């Protein structure tokens, strides 16, 4: 589950100013993020990290590399 994010409106202003074409926010926060009219930037709500990765993969995102597995640090 994706939890609430603070300052979504301010983050959407920054994303728009930076030229973002897509902003992913938690479901229910789309209205706060879309308070700013930004031509060319879509705002999509997601319920989980898996949903966010699917949105990214369908919108030009590359394959997410597997997490590196390393040996735990030796105990001292």
N, C-alpha and C. Protein backbone atom coordinates (compact mmCIF):
# COMPACT_ATOMS: atom_id res chain seq x y z
N UNK A 1 0.83 -1.18 0.00
CA UNK A 1 0.00 0.00 0.00
C UNK A 1 0.88 1.24 0.00
N UNK A 2 0.47 2.23 -0.77
CA UNK A 2 1.17 3.50 -0.82
C UNK A 2 0.46 4.46 0.12
N UNK A 3 1.20 5.06 1.04
CA UNK A 3 0.61 5.97 2.00
C UNK A 3 0.55 7.40 1.49
N UNK A 4 -0.05 8.25 2.29
CA UNK A 4 -0.20 9.67 1.94
C UNK A 4 1.17 10.33 1.82
N UNK A 5 1.21 11.34 0.96
CA UNK A 5 2.43 12.11 0.74
C UNK A 5 2.12 13.57 1.04
N UNK A 6 2.96 14.21 1.81
CA UNK A 6 2.75 15.62 2.11
C UNK A 6 3.23 16.52 0.99
N UNK A 7 2.61 17.68 0.86
CA UNK A 7 3.05 18.68 -0.10
C UNK A 7 2.90 18.28 -1.55
N UNK A 8 1.86 17.49 -1.86
CA UNK A 8 1.68 17.00 -3.23
C UNK A 8 1.52 18.15 -4.22
N UNK A 9 0.78 19.18 -3.83
CA UNK A 9 0.59 20.32 -4.74
C UNK A 9 1.93 20.98 -5.06
N UNK A 10 2.74 21.22 -4.04
CA UNK A 10 4.05 21.84 -4.25
C UNK A 10 4.95 20.95 -5.10
N UNK A 11 4.87 19.66 -4.86
CA UNK A 11 5.66 18.72 -5.66
C UNK A 11 5.21 18.73 -7.11
N UNK A 12 3.90 18.89 -7.35
CA UNK A 12 3.41 18.93 -8.72
C UNK A 12 3.88 20.20 -9.42
N UNK A 13 3.96 21.31 -8.69
CA UNK A 13 4.48 22.56 -9.27
C UNK A 13 5.93 22.35 -9.68
N UNK A 14 6.72 21.73 -8.81
CA UNK A 14 8.13 21.48 -9.12
C UNK A 14 8.27 20.52 -10.30
N UNK A 15 7.45 19.47 -10.33
CA UNK A 15 7.52 18.50 -11.44
C UNK A 15 7.18 19.17 -12.76
N UNK A 16 6.15 20.01 -12.75
CA UNK A 16 5.75 20.73 -13.97
C UNK A 16 6.87 21.66 -14.42
N UNK A 17 7.44 22.40 -13.48
CA UNK A 17 8.53 23.33 -13.80
C UNK A 17 9.74 22.60 -14.38
N UNK A 18 9.94 21.36 -13.94
CA UNK A 18 11.08 20.56 -14.42
C UNK A 18 10.79 19.88 -15.75
N UNK A 19 9.55 20.02 -16.24
CA UNK A 19 9.21 19.43 -17.53
C UNK A 19 8.72 18.00 -17.49
N UNK A 20 8.28 17.54 -16.31
CA UNK A 20 7.80 16.16 -16.19
C UNK A 20 6.54 15.96 -17.04
N UNK A 21 6.41 14.76 -17.59
CA UNK A 21 5.23 14.41 -18.38
C UNK A 21 4.26 13.55 -17.58
N UNK A 22 4.74 12.99 -16.45
CA UNK A 22 3.93 12.09 -15.65
C UNK A 22 4.30 12.26 -14.18
N UNK A 23 3.28 12.30 -13.34
CA UNK A 23 3.50 12.33 -11.89
C UNK A 23 2.62 11.25 -11.28
N UNK A 24 3.23 10.41 -10.47
CA UNK A 24 2.52 9.33 -9.80
C UNK A 24 2.32 9.72 -8.34
N UNK A 25 1.08 9.64 -7.89
CA UNK A 25 0.75 10.00 -6.51
C UNK A 25 -0.12 8.90 -5.90
N UNK A 26 -0.24 8.88 -4.57
CA UNK A 26 -1.14 7.92 -3.96
C UNK A 26 -2.59 8.17 -4.39
N UNK A 27 -3.36 7.10 -4.55
CA UNK A 27 -4.78 7.23 -4.87
C UNK A 27 -5.42 8.16 -3.83
N UNK A 28 -6.25 9.06 -4.30
CA UNK A 28 -6.91 10.01 -3.42
C UNK A 28 -6.23 11.36 -3.38
N UNK A 29 -4.99 11.44 -3.87
CA UNK A 29 -4.27 12.71 -3.86
C UNK A 29 -4.15 13.32 -5.26
N UNK A 30 -4.82 12.70 -6.22
CA UNK A 30 -4.76 13.22 -7.60
C UNK A 30 -5.32 14.64 -7.68
N UNK A 31 -6.40 14.90 -6.96
CA UNK A 31 -7.02 16.22 -7.02
C UNK A 31 -6.08 17.30 -6.49
N UNK A 32 -5.39 17.00 -5.37
CA UNK A 32 -4.42 17.96 -4.83
C UNK A 32 -3.30 18.23 -5.82
N UNK A 33 -2.82 17.19 -6.45
CA UNK A 33 -1.71 17.34 -7.39
C UNK A 33 -2.14 18.04 -8.66
N UNK A 34 -3.40 17.88 -9.05
CA UNK A 34 -3.84 18.47 -10.32
C UNK A 34 -4.43 19.86 -10.15
N UNK A 35 -4.31 20.44 -8.95
CA UNK A 35 -4.79 21.80 -8.74
C UNK A 35 -4.09 22.80 -9.65
N UNK A 36 -2.90 22.46 -10.06
CA UNK A 36 -2.12 23.29 -10.98
C UNK A 36 -2.41 22.83 -12.40
N UNK A 37 -2.68 23.75 -13.27
CA UNK A 37 -2.87 23.40 -14.68
C UNK A 37 -1.51 23.36 -15.35
N UNK A 38 -1.09 22.18 -15.71
CA UNK A 38 0.21 21.99 -16.33
C UNK A 38 0.01 21.23 -17.63
N UNK A 39 0.16 21.92 -18.74
CA UNK A 39 -0.01 21.28 -20.04
C UNK A 39 1.02 20.18 -20.23
N UNK A 40 0.55 19.02 -20.61
CA UNK A 40 1.45 17.92 -20.94
C UNK A 40 1.84 17.02 -19.79
N UNK A 41 1.43 17.33 -18.55
CA UNK A 41 1.77 16.46 -17.42
C UNK A 41 0.52 15.73 -16.95
N UNK A 42 0.56 14.41 -16.99
CA UNK A 42 -0.53 13.58 -16.48
C UNK A 42 -0.25 13.22 -15.04
N UNK A 43 -1.31 13.13 -14.25
CA UNK A 43 -1.19 12.75 -12.85
C UNK A 43 -2.01 11.48 -12.66
N UNK A 44 -1.33 10.43 -12.19
CA UNK A 44 -1.99 9.13 -12.00
C UNK A 44 -1.86 8.69 -10.55
N UNK A 45 -2.95 8.20 -9.99
CA UNK A 45 -2.95 7.68 -8.63
C UNK A 45 -2.70 6.18 -8.62
N UNK A 46 -1.91 5.73 -7.66
CA UNK A 46 -1.62 4.30 -7.52
C UNK A 46 -1.87 3.87 -6.08
N UNK A 47 -2.17 2.58 -5.92
CA UNK A 47 -2.42 2.03 -4.59
C UNK A 47 -1.23 1.27 -4.02
N UNK A 48 -0.28 0.88 -4.88
CA UNK A 48 0.85 0.08 -4.40
C UNK A 48 2.10 0.38 -5.22
N UNK A 49 3.23 -0.05 -4.70
CA UNK A 49 4.48 0.10 -5.44
C UNK A 49 4.40 -0.68 -6.75
N UNK A 50 3.78 -1.86 -6.70
CA UNK A 50 3.62 -2.65 -7.92
C UNK A 50 2.84 -1.87 -8.97
N UNK A 51 1.76 -1.19 -8.56
CA UNK A 51 0.99 -0.35 -9.49
C UNK A 51 1.87 0.74 -10.09
N UNK A 52 2.70 1.37 -9.25
CA UNK A 52 3.58 2.44 -9.73
C UNK A 52 4.57 1.90 -10.76
N UNK A 53 5.12 0.73 -10.52
CA UNK A 53 6.07 0.14 -11.47
C UNK A 53 5.38 -0.20 -12.78
N UNK A 54 4.14 -0.67 -12.71
CA UNK A 54 3.38 -0.96 -13.93
C UNK A 54 3.14 0.32 -14.72
N UNK A 55 2.73 1.39 -14.02
CA UNK A 55 2.51 2.68 -14.69
C UNK A 55 3.80 3.12 -15.37
N UNK A 56 4.91 3.02 -14.67
CA UNK A 56 6.19 3.43 -15.26
C UNK A 56 6.54 2.58 -16.47
N UNK A 57 6.32 1.27 -16.39
CA UNK A 57 6.68 0.40 -17.51
C UNK A 57 5.83 0.68 -18.74
N UNK A 58 4.61 1.19 -18.55
CA UNK A 58 3.74 1.51 -19.68
C UNK A 58 3.92 2.94 -20.17
N UNK A 59 4.82 3.68 -19.53
CA UNK A 59 5.01 5.08 -19.89
C UNK A 59 6.48 5.42 -20.11
N UNK A 60 7.18 4.51 -20.75
CA UNK A 60 8.56 4.79 -21.14
C UNK A 60 9.62 4.39 -20.15
N UNK A 61 9.23 3.85 -19.01
CA UNK A 61 10.23 3.42 -18.03
C UNK A 61 10.85 2.11 -18.45
N UNK A 62 12.11 1.96 -18.16
CA UNK A 62 12.81 0.72 -18.49
C UNK A 62 12.56 -0.34 -17.44
N UNK A 63 13.08 -1.49 -17.69
CA UNK A 63 12.96 -2.61 -16.75
C UNK A 63 13.71 -2.27 -15.47
N UNK A 64 13.11 -2.57 -14.35
CA UNK A 64 13.75 -2.33 -13.06
C UNK A 64 14.74 -3.46 -12.81
N UNK A 65 16.03 -3.12 -12.59
CA UNK A 65 17.01 -4.18 -12.35
C UNK A 65 16.75 -4.87 -11.01
N UNK A 66 17.12 -6.14 -10.91
CA UNK A 66 16.93 -6.84 -9.63
C UNK A 66 17.81 -6.22 -8.55
N UNK A 67 17.34 -6.33 -7.34
CA UNK A 67 18.10 -5.79 -6.22
C UNK A 67 19.37 -6.61 -6.02
N UNK A 68 20.47 -5.92 -5.79
CA UNK A 68 21.74 -6.61 -5.57
C UNK A 68 21.70 -7.34 -4.24
N UNK A 69 22.20 -8.54 -4.23
CA UNK A 69 22.27 -9.33 -3.01
C UNK A 69 23.72 -9.34 -2.56
N UNK A 70 23.92 -8.96 -1.32
CA UNK A 70 25.29 -8.94 -0.80
C UNK A 70 25.33 -9.71 0.52
N UNK A 71 26.52 -10.14 0.87
CA UNK A 71 26.70 -10.83 2.14
C UNK A 71 26.51 -9.82 3.27
N UNK A 72 25.88 -10.25 4.35
CA UNK A 72 25.73 -9.33 5.48
C UNK A 72 27.10 -8.99 6.05
N UNK A 73 27.18 -7.84 6.65
CA UNK A 73 28.44 -7.41 7.26
C UNK A 73 28.80 -8.38 8.39
N UNK A 74 30.08 -8.69 8.51
CA UNK A 74 30.49 -9.61 9.59
C UNK A 74 30.25 -8.97 10.96
N UNK A 75 29.86 -9.80 11.92
CA UNK A 75 29.65 -9.32 13.29
C UNK A 75 31.00 -9.03 13.92
N UNK A 76 31.04 -7.98 14.71
CA UNK A 76 32.30 -7.63 15.41
C UNK A 76 32.31 -8.16 16.80
